[in-house]
Structure formats: structure tokens, C-alpha cells
Amino acid sequence: MMEIHKYSNGDLNVIWQPQKCIHAGVCVKMLPNVYNPKSRPWIKAENASSDELKNQIRQCPSGALTFELNTEK
């Protein structure tokens, strides 16, 4: 089964699948306030708007990052 981690900014859930990640670093370069591999948790979705997150996630070359709208508010 694929390992999945979710991180929310309230409106949007960032979904990370580590097995798919190729460590291209696009996420860290685009949104360093959100993605910090040295921190735990390493994704702080609350540090960006939903539009900023969606734009960055669409640039992920491996598909390890996806998103869903948070309907559990």
C-alpha cells in the first residue's frame, strides 16, 4: 500500500506520497516557507495560500505532491 501524508492549510490538503518523490526540489525552490526537508513536519501548508500551493503542486515532476479541497472544515 502506498504511504500517504496530508498537510492542511484549512482550505486545501497537500498530499505527499514519499515513494513517488524523486527529490527534484521544485517544491523547496518555489515555496521555501512551506517545504523544508530539515523540519518536522517538513510541509507547513499553512504558510502559503491555496492558490500558491496549487500552482506549486502542479509543477511537481514526479506527481508525489497532489492536493484536494478540504471538505472537513
N, C-alpha and C. Protein backbone atom coordinates (compact mmCIF):
# COMPACT_ATOMS: atom_id res chain seq x y z
N MET A 1 0.83 -1.19 0.00
CA MET A 1 0.00 0.00 0.00
C MET A 1 0.88 1.26 0.00
N MET A 2 0.45 2.25 -0.73
CA MET A 2 1.20 3.50 -0.88
C MET A 2 1.07 4.35 0.38
N GLU A 3 2.20 4.80 0.89
CA GLU A 3 2.23 5.68 2.05
C GLU A 3 1.77 7.08 1.62
N ILE A 4 0.87 7.67 2.40
CA ILE A 4 0.32 8.99 2.08
C ILE A 4 0.34 9.87 3.32
N HIS A 5 0.80 11.12 3.15
CA HIS A 5 0.79 12.10 4.24
C HIS A 5 -0.02 13.29 3.77
N LYS A 6 -0.85 13.84 4.68
CA LYS A 6 -1.67 15.01 4.35
C LYS A 6 -1.31 16.16 5.28
N TYR A 7 -1.25 17.35 4.68
CA TYR A 7 -0.96 18.57 5.42
C TYR A 7 -1.97 19.62 4.97
N SER A 8 -2.63 20.28 5.91
CA SER A 8 -3.71 21.20 5.56
C SER A 8 -3.37 22.65 5.87
N ASN A 9 -3.88 23.56 5.03
CA ASN A 9 -3.83 24.98 5.36
C ASN A 9 -5.23 25.47 5.75
N GLY A 10 -6.15 24.54 5.93
CA GLY A 10 -7.53 24.86 6.27
C GLY A 10 -8.46 24.65 5.09
N ASP A 11 -8.11 25.24 3.94
CA ASP A 11 -8.95 25.13 2.75
C ASP A 11 -8.52 23.99 1.82
N LEU A 12 -7.25 23.65 1.90
CA LEU A 12 -6.68 22.70 0.95
C LEU A 12 -5.78 21.71 1.69
N ASN A 13 -5.83 20.46 1.27
CA ASN A 13 -4.93 19.45 1.82
C ASN A 13 -3.84 19.15 0.79
N VAL A 14 -2.59 19.29 1.21
CA VAL A 14 -1.45 18.88 0.39
C VAL A 14 -1.22 17.41 0.69
N ILE A 15 -1.16 16.60 -0.35
CA ILE A 15 -0.96 15.16 -0.20
C ILE A 15 0.42 14.82 -0.75
N TRP A 16 1.22 14.18 0.09
CA TRP A 16 2.58 13.78 -0.30
C TRP A 16 2.70 12.27 -0.26
N GLN A 17 3.18 11.69 -1.36
CA GLN A 17 3.43 10.25 -1.46
C GLN A 17 4.94 10.05 -1.60
N PRO A 18 5.62 9.77 -0.46
CA PRO A 18 7.08 9.71 -0.48
C PRO A 18 7.68 8.71 -1.47
N GLN A 19 6.98 7.61 -1.75
CA GLN A 19 7.53 6.60 -2.68
C GLN A 19 7.65 7.15 -4.10
N LYS A 20 6.84 8.15 -4.44
CA LYS A 20 6.89 8.73 -5.78
C LYS A 20 7.91 9.85 -5.90
N CYS A 21 8.35 10.38 -4.77
CA CYS A 21 9.20 11.57 -4.77
C CYS A 21 10.58 11.28 -5.37
N ILE A 22 11.00 12.12 -6.33
CA ILE A 22 12.32 11.96 -6.95
C ILE A 22 13.28 13.04 -6.44
N HIS A 23 12.87 13.81 -5.46
CA HIS A 23 13.70 14.83 -4.82
C HIS A 23 14.28 15.84 -5.81
N ALA A 24 13.43 16.26 -6.75
CA ALA A 24 13.85 17.26 -7.73
C ALA A 24 14.02 18.63 -7.08
N GLY A 25 13.34 18.87 -5.97
CA GLY A 25 13.50 20.12 -5.25
C GLY A 25 12.65 21.28 -5.76
N VAL A 26 11.77 21.02 -6.70
CA VAL A 26 10.92 22.09 -7.24
C VAL A 26 10.07 22.70 -6.13
N CYS A 27 9.55 21.89 -5.26
CA CYS A 27 8.71 22.39 -4.16
C CYS A 27 9.49 23.33 -3.25
N VAL A 28 10.67 22.92 -2.87
CA VAL A 28 11.51 23.72 -1.96
C VAL A 28 11.92 25.04 -2.63
N LYS A 29 12.26 24.98 -3.92
CA LYS A 29 12.66 26.19 -4.63
C LYS A 29 11.51 27.17 -4.78
N MET A 30 10.30 26.65 -5.06
CA MET A 30 9.15 27.53 -5.31
C MET A 30 8.56 28.10 -4.02
N LEU A 31 8.46 27.28 -2.98
CA LEU A 31 7.83 27.71 -1.73
C LEU A 31 8.68 27.28 -0.53
N PRO A 32 9.81 27.93 -0.32
CA PRO A 32 10.69 27.53 0.79
C PRO A 32 10.07 27.74 2.17
N ASN A 33 9.07 28.60 2.29
CA ASN A 33 8.39 28.79 3.58
C ASN A 33 7.45 27.64 3.91
N VAL A 34 7.11 26.86 2.89
CA VAL A 34 6.20 25.71 3.07
C VAL A 34 7.00 24.41 3.19
N TYR A 35 7.95 24.21 2.29
CA TYR A 35 8.69 22.95 2.20
C TYR A 35 10.09 23.11 2.77
N ASN A 36 10.36 22.45 3.88
CA ASN A 36 11.68 22.49 4.50
C ASN A 36 12.04 21.08 4.93
N PRO A 37 12.86 20.38 4.13
CA PRO A 37 13.19 18.98 4.43
C PRO A 37 13.86 18.77 5.79
N LYS A 38 14.40 19.83 6.39
CA LYS A 38 15.07 19.70 7.69
C LYS A 38 14.10 19.84 8.86
N SER A 39 12.88 20.28 8.60
CA SER A 39 11.87 20.46 9.66
C SER A 39 10.97 19.24 9.77
N ARG A 40 10.33 19.11 10.88
CA ARG A 40 9.29 18.09 11.08
C ARG A 40 8.07 18.76 11.68
N PRO A 41 6.92 18.74 11.06
CA PRO A 41 6.70 18.18 9.72
C PRO A 41 7.40 19.04 8.67
N TRP A 42 7.79 18.43 7.59
CA TRP A 42 8.58 19.14 6.59
C TRP A 42 7.71 19.99 5.67
N ILE A 43 6.40 19.75 5.68
CA ILE A 43 5.46 20.57 4.89
C ILE A 43 4.60 21.36 5.86
N LYS A 44 4.64 22.68 5.72
CA LYS A 44 3.80 23.57 6.54
C LYS A 44 2.87 24.31 5.59
N ALA A 45 1.77 23.63 5.22
CA ALA A 45 0.83 24.15 4.23
C ALA A 45 0.23 25.48 4.63
N GLU A 46 0.16 25.74 5.94
CA GLU A 46 -0.45 26.99 6.42
C GLU A 46 0.39 28.22 6.06
N ASN A 47 1.60 28.02 5.58
CA ASN A 47 2.49 29.14 5.24
C ASN A 47 2.30 29.66 3.81
N ALA A 48 1.27 29.19 3.10
CA ALA A 48 1.00 29.67 1.74
C ALA A 48 -0.50 29.66 1.49
N SER A 49 -0.92 30.45 0.52
CA SER A 49 -2.33 30.46 0.14
C SER A 49 -2.65 29.20 -0.67
N SER A 50 -3.90 28.89 -0.77
CA SER A 50 -4.31 27.72 -1.55
C SER A 50 -3.90 27.87 -3.01
N ASP A 51 -4.01 29.07 -3.56
CA ASP A 51 -3.60 29.29 -4.96
C ASP A 51 -2.11 29.07 -5.14
N GLU A 52 -1.30 29.56 -4.19
CA GLU A 52 0.15 29.35 -4.26
C GLU A 52 0.48 27.86 -4.20
N LEU A 53 -0.19 27.14 -3.30
CA LEU A 53 0.05 25.70 -3.17
C LEU A 53 -0.35 24.96 -4.44
N LYS A 54 -1.51 25.26 -4.99
CA LYS A 54 -1.97 24.58 -6.21
C LYS A 54 -0.99 24.82 -7.36
N ASN A 55 -0.55 26.06 -7.52
CA ASN A 55 0.39 26.39 -8.58
C ASN A 55 1.68 25.60 -8.43
N GLN A 56 2.21 25.53 -7.22
CA GLN A 56 3.45 24.80 -6.99
C GLN A 56 3.26 23.30 -7.20
N ILE A 57 2.19 22.74 -6.66
CA ILE A 57 1.94 21.30 -6.75
C ILE A 57 1.81 20.86 -8.21
N ARG A 58 1.24 21.70 -9.03
CA ARG A 58 1.12 21.36 -10.47
C ARG A 58 2.48 21.28 -11.15
N GLN A 59 3.52 21.84 -10.54
CA GLN A 59 4.88 21.81 -11.11
C GLN A 59 5.69 20.58 -10.65
N CYS A 60 5.15 19.80 -9.74
CA CYS A 60 5.88 18.64 -9.20
C CYS A 60 6.12 17.62 -10.32
N PRO A 61 7.38 17.34 -10.68
CA PRO A 61 7.66 16.48 -11.83
C PRO A 61 7.32 15.01 -11.61
N SER A 62 7.28 14.55 -10.37
CA SER A 62 7.06 13.12 -10.12
C SER A 62 5.61 12.78 -9.81
N GLY A 63 4.80 13.78 -9.49
CA GLY A 63 3.43 13.51 -9.06
C GLY A 63 3.34 13.10 -7.60
N ALA A 64 4.44 13.25 -6.86
CA ALA A 64 4.43 12.89 -5.44
C ALA A 64 3.56 13.85 -4.63
N LEU A 65 3.41 15.08 -5.11
CA LEU A 65 2.56 16.06 -4.45
C LEU A 65 1.27 16.24 -5.24
N THR A 66 0.15 16.12 -4.56
CA THR A 66 -1.15 16.39 -5.14
C THR A 66 -1.93 17.20 -4.10
N PHE A 67 -3.14 17.58 -4.43
CA PHE A 67 -3.94 18.30 -3.45
C PHE A 67 -5.41 17.92 -3.59
N GLU A 68 -6.14 18.21 -2.53
CA GLU A 68 -7.59 18.05 -2.53
C GLU A 68 -8.16 19.20 -1.72
N LEU A 69 -9.36 19.61 -2.07
CA LEU A 69 -10.01 20.64 -1.27
C LEU A 69 -10.44 20.02 0.05
N ASN A 70 -10.29 20.76 1.12
CA ASN A 70 -10.63 20.26 2.45
C ASN A 70 -12.12 20.47 2.68
N THR A 71 -12.85 19.39 2.76
CA THR A 71 -14.30 19.47 2.97
C THR A 71 -14.66 19.21 4.43
N GLU A 72 -13.65 19.03 5.30
CA GLU A 72 -13.89 18.70 6.70
C GLU A 72 -13.78 19.91 7.61
N LYS A 73 -14.07 21.11 7.10
CA LYS A 73 -13.95 22.32 7.90
C LYS A 73 -15.11 22.44 8.85
